[in-house]
Amino acid sequence: MNLFRRIPKVDKIEKKLSNYPKKILTPIIRETLQKIREDIKENRIKDISEEEIIYKIEKKVKEAISPSIVNVI
């Protein structure tokens, strides 16, 4: 099966992850999907699922919105 066809549309991912701010979510989705497309094109990905893609995106979103604590002296 063509791996490019397994990549879900942006709006479908936004609906599944609608509990996150769209302002943060959408750029991360686009960036992640572009990276996946490049990896498929370069044969770095042999198999991918929609669930795996959504998991990767959700992980990145959580990292982006989680507060980072930095010690200040």
N, C-alpha and C. Protein backbone atom coordinates (compact mmCIF):
# COMPACT_ATOMS: atom_id res chain seq x y z
N MET A 1 0.84 -1.19 0.00
CA MET A 1 0.00 0.00 0.00
C MET A 1 0.88 1.25 0.00
N ASN A 2 0.42 2.26 -0.67
CA ASN A 2 1.14 3.52 -0.75
C ASN A 2 1.14 4.20 0.63
N LEU A 3 2.31 4.43 1.19
CA LEU A 3 2.42 5.02 2.52
C LEU A 3 1.89 6.45 2.57
N PHE A 4 2.00 7.17 1.47
CA PHE A 4 1.49 8.55 1.44
C PHE A 4 -0.02 8.58 1.70
N ARG A 5 -0.72 7.54 1.28
CA ARG A 5 -2.17 7.47 1.48
C ARG A 5 -2.55 7.22 2.93
N ARG A 6 -1.62 6.75 3.72
CA ARG A 6 -1.89 6.48 5.13
C ARG A 6 -1.80 7.74 5.99
N ILE A 7 -1.27 8.80 5.42
CA ILE A 7 -1.13 10.05 6.16
C ILE A 7 -2.50 10.72 6.25
N PRO A 8 -3.00 10.93 7.46
CA PRO A 8 -4.32 11.56 7.61
C PRO A 8 -4.27 13.05 7.26
N LYS A 9 -5.43 13.60 6.94
CA LYS A 9 -5.53 15.03 6.63
C LYS A 9 -5.42 15.84 7.91
N VAL A 10 -4.96 17.06 7.77
CA VAL A 10 -4.76 17.96 8.91
C VAL A 10 -6.04 18.11 9.72
N ASP A 11 -7.16 18.34 9.05
CA ASP A 11 -8.41 18.56 9.79
C ASP A 11 -8.86 17.33 10.56
N LYS A 12 -8.56 16.15 10.06
CA LYS A 12 -8.90 14.91 10.77
C LYS A 12 -8.09 14.81 12.07
N ILE A 13 -6.82 15.16 12.00
CA ILE A 13 -5.97 15.13 13.19
C ILE A 13 -6.42 16.19 14.18
N GLU A 14 -6.76 17.37 13.67
CA GLU A 14 -7.25 18.45 14.55
C GLU A 14 -8.49 18.02 15.31
N LYS A 15 -9.38 17.29 14.66
CA LYS A 15 -10.59 16.81 15.33
C LYS A 15 -10.25 15.81 16.43
N LYS A 16 -9.31 14.92 16.15
CA LYS A 16 -8.94 13.90 17.14
C LYS A 16 -8.20 14.51 18.33
N LEU A 17 -7.51 15.62 18.10
CA LEU A 17 -6.74 16.26 19.16
C LEU A 17 -7.33 17.63 19.50
N SER A 18 -8.63 17.72 19.46
CA SER A 18 -9.31 19.01 19.63
C SER A 18 -9.20 19.59 21.04
N ASN A 19 -8.69 18.82 21.98
CA ASN A 19 -8.53 19.33 23.34
C ASN A 19 -7.28 20.21 23.49
N TYR A 20 -6.49 20.35 22.43
CA TYR A 20 -5.30 21.19 22.45
C TYR A 20 -5.57 22.47 21.67
N PRO A 21 -4.88 23.57 22.01
CA PRO A 21 -5.09 24.83 21.29
C PRO A 21 -4.70 24.71 19.82
N LYS A 22 -5.61 25.08 18.96
CA LYS A 22 -5.40 24.97 17.52
C LYS A 22 -4.19 25.80 17.06
N LYS A 23 -3.97 26.91 17.74
CA LYS A 23 -2.86 27.80 17.40
C LYS A 23 -1.51 27.08 17.53
N ILE A 24 -1.42 26.17 18.47
CA ILE A 24 -0.20 25.37 18.68
C ILE A 24 -0.27 24.08 17.86
N LEU A 25 -1.44 23.48 17.81
CA LEU A 25 -1.62 22.18 17.19
C LEU A 25 -1.35 22.19 15.68
N THR A 26 -1.95 23.11 14.96
CA THR A 26 -1.88 23.10 13.50
C THR A 26 -0.45 23.19 12.96
N PRO A 27 0.38 24.11 13.44
CA PRO A 27 1.76 24.15 12.91
C PRO A 27 2.54 22.86 13.19
N ILE A 28 2.29 22.26 14.35
CA ILE A 28 2.99 21.01 14.68
C ILE A 28 2.51 19.88 13.77
N ILE A 29 1.22 19.85 13.48
CA ILE A 29 0.70 18.83 12.55
C ILE A 29 1.37 18.99 11.20
N ARG A 30 1.36 20.20 10.68
CA ARG A 30 1.93 20.44 9.34
C ARG A 30 3.42 20.08 9.29
N GLU A 31 4.14 20.48 10.31
CA GLU A 31 5.57 20.19 10.36
C GLU A 31 5.83 18.68 10.42
N THR A 32 5.08 18.00 11.25
CA THR A 32 5.25 16.56 11.42
C THR A 32 4.89 15.81 10.14
N LEU A 33 3.78 16.18 9.52
CA LEU A 33 3.38 15.50 8.29
C LEU A 33 4.38 15.74 7.17
N GLN A 34 4.94 16.94 7.10
CA GLN A 34 5.96 17.22 6.09
C GLN A 34 7.20 16.35 6.31
N LYS A 35 7.60 16.21 7.56
CA LYS A 35 8.76 15.37 7.89
C LYS A 35 8.47 13.91 7.52
N ILE A 36 7.28 13.45 7.80
CA ILE A 36 6.91 12.07 7.45
C ILE A 36 6.94 11.88 5.93
N ARG A 37 6.41 12.84 5.20
CA ARG A 37 6.44 12.76 3.73
C ARG A 37 7.88 12.68 3.21
N GLU A 38 8.75 13.51 3.76
CA GLU A 38 10.16 13.49 3.35
C GLU A 38 10.79 12.13 3.68
N ASP A 39 10.50 11.60 4.86
CA ASP A 39 11.06 10.31 5.25
C ASP A 39 10.56 9.18 4.36
N ILE A 40 9.30 9.23 3.97
CA ILE A 40 8.76 8.21 3.06
C ILE A 40 9.46 8.32 1.71
N LYS A 41 9.59 9.56 1.22
CA LYS A 41 10.23 9.80 -0.07
C LYS A 41 11.67 9.29 -0.09
N GLU A 42 12.36 9.43 1.04
CA GLU A 42 13.76 9.01 1.14
C GLU A 42 13.90 7.56 1.62
N ASN A 43 12.79 6.84 1.69
CA ASN A 43 12.76 5.44 2.13
C ASN A 43 13.27 5.21 3.55
N ARG A 44 13.10 6.21 4.41
CA ARG A 44 13.49 6.05 5.81
C ARG A 44 12.35 5.46 6.63
N ILE A 45 11.15 5.46 6.08
CA ILE A 45 9.99 4.86 6.74
C ILE A 45 9.48 3.74 5.85
N LYS A 46 9.35 2.56 6.44
CA LYS A 46 8.86 1.40 5.69
C LYS A 46 7.39 1.13 5.96
N ASP A 47 6.91 1.59 7.13
CA ASP A 47 5.52 1.38 7.49
C ASP A 47 5.10 2.46 8.48
N ILE A 48 3.86 2.88 8.40
CA ILE A 48 3.35 3.92 9.30
C ILE A 48 1.84 3.74 9.42
N SER A 49 1.33 4.10 10.59
CA SER A 49 -0.11 4.03 10.80
C SER A 49 -0.62 5.39 11.24
N GLU A 50 -1.91 5.60 11.07
CA GLU A 50 -2.52 6.85 11.50
C GLU A 50 -2.35 7.03 13.00
N GLU A 51 -2.51 5.97 13.75
CA GLU A 51 -2.37 6.04 15.21
C GLU A 51 -0.97 6.47 15.61
N GLU A 52 0.03 5.95 14.92
CA GLU A 52 1.42 6.31 15.20
C GLU A 52 1.67 7.79 14.91
N ILE A 53 1.11 8.28 13.81
CA ILE A 53 1.27 9.68 13.44
C ILE A 53 0.62 10.58 14.50
N ILE A 54 -0.59 10.24 14.89
CA ILE A 54 -1.30 11.04 15.89
C ILE A 54 -0.55 11.01 17.22
N TYR A 55 0.00 9.86 17.59
CA TYR A 55 0.77 9.75 18.83
C TYR A 55 1.98 10.69 18.78
N LYS A 56 2.70 10.69 17.67
CA LYS A 56 3.88 11.56 17.52
C LYS A 56 3.49 13.03 17.65
N ILE A 57 2.40 13.40 17.00
CA ILE A 57 1.95 14.78 17.04
C ILE A 57 1.53 15.17 18.45
N GLU A 58 0.77 14.31 19.10
CA GLU A 58 0.32 14.62 20.46
C GLU A 58 1.50 14.77 21.41
N LYS A 59 2.50 13.94 21.25
CA LYS A 59 3.70 14.03 22.08
C LYS A 59 4.39 15.39 21.89
N LYS A 60 4.51 15.83 20.64
CA LYS A 60 5.13 17.13 20.35
C LYS A 60 4.32 18.28 20.92
N VAL A 61 3.00 18.18 20.82
CA VAL A 61 2.13 19.24 21.33
C VAL A 61 2.27 19.32 22.85
N LYS A 62 2.28 18.18 23.51
CA LYS A 62 2.43 18.17 24.97
C LYS A 62 3.75 18.81 25.39
N GLU A 63 4.80 18.51 24.64
CA GLU A 63 6.11 19.12 24.93
C GLU A 63 6.06 20.63 24.73
N ALA A 64 5.35 21.06 23.71
CA ALA A 64 5.27 22.49 23.39
C ALA A 64 4.48 23.28 24.44
N ILE A 65 3.48 22.65 25.04
CA ILE A 65 2.64 23.40 25.98
C ILE A 65 3.03 23.18 27.43
N SER A 66 3.91 22.21 27.69
CA SER A 66 4.30 21.97 29.07
C SER A 66 5.28 23.06 29.52
N PRO A 67 5.08 23.54 30.73
CA PRO A 67 6.00 24.59 31.19
C PRO A 67 7.39 24.02 31.44
N SER A 68 8.35 24.78 31.05
CA SER A 68 9.72 24.35 31.32
C SER A 68 10.24 25.16 32.51
N ILE A 69 10.83 24.44 33.41
CA ILE A 69 11.34 25.08 34.62
C ILE A 69 12.84 25.26 34.47
N VAL A 70 13.27 26.50 34.62
CA VAL A 70 14.69 26.82 34.49
C VAL A 70 15.13 27.53 35.77
N ASN A 71 16.22 27.05 36.32
CA ASN A 71 16.76 27.70 37.52
C ASN A 71 17.38 29.03 37.12
N VAL A 72 17.03 30.03 37.89
CA VAL A 72 17.58 31.37 37.67
C VAL A 72 18.37 31.76 38.90
N ILE A 73 19.58 32.17 38.66
CA ILE A 73 20.43 32.54 39.79
C ILE A 73 20.49 34.06 39.90
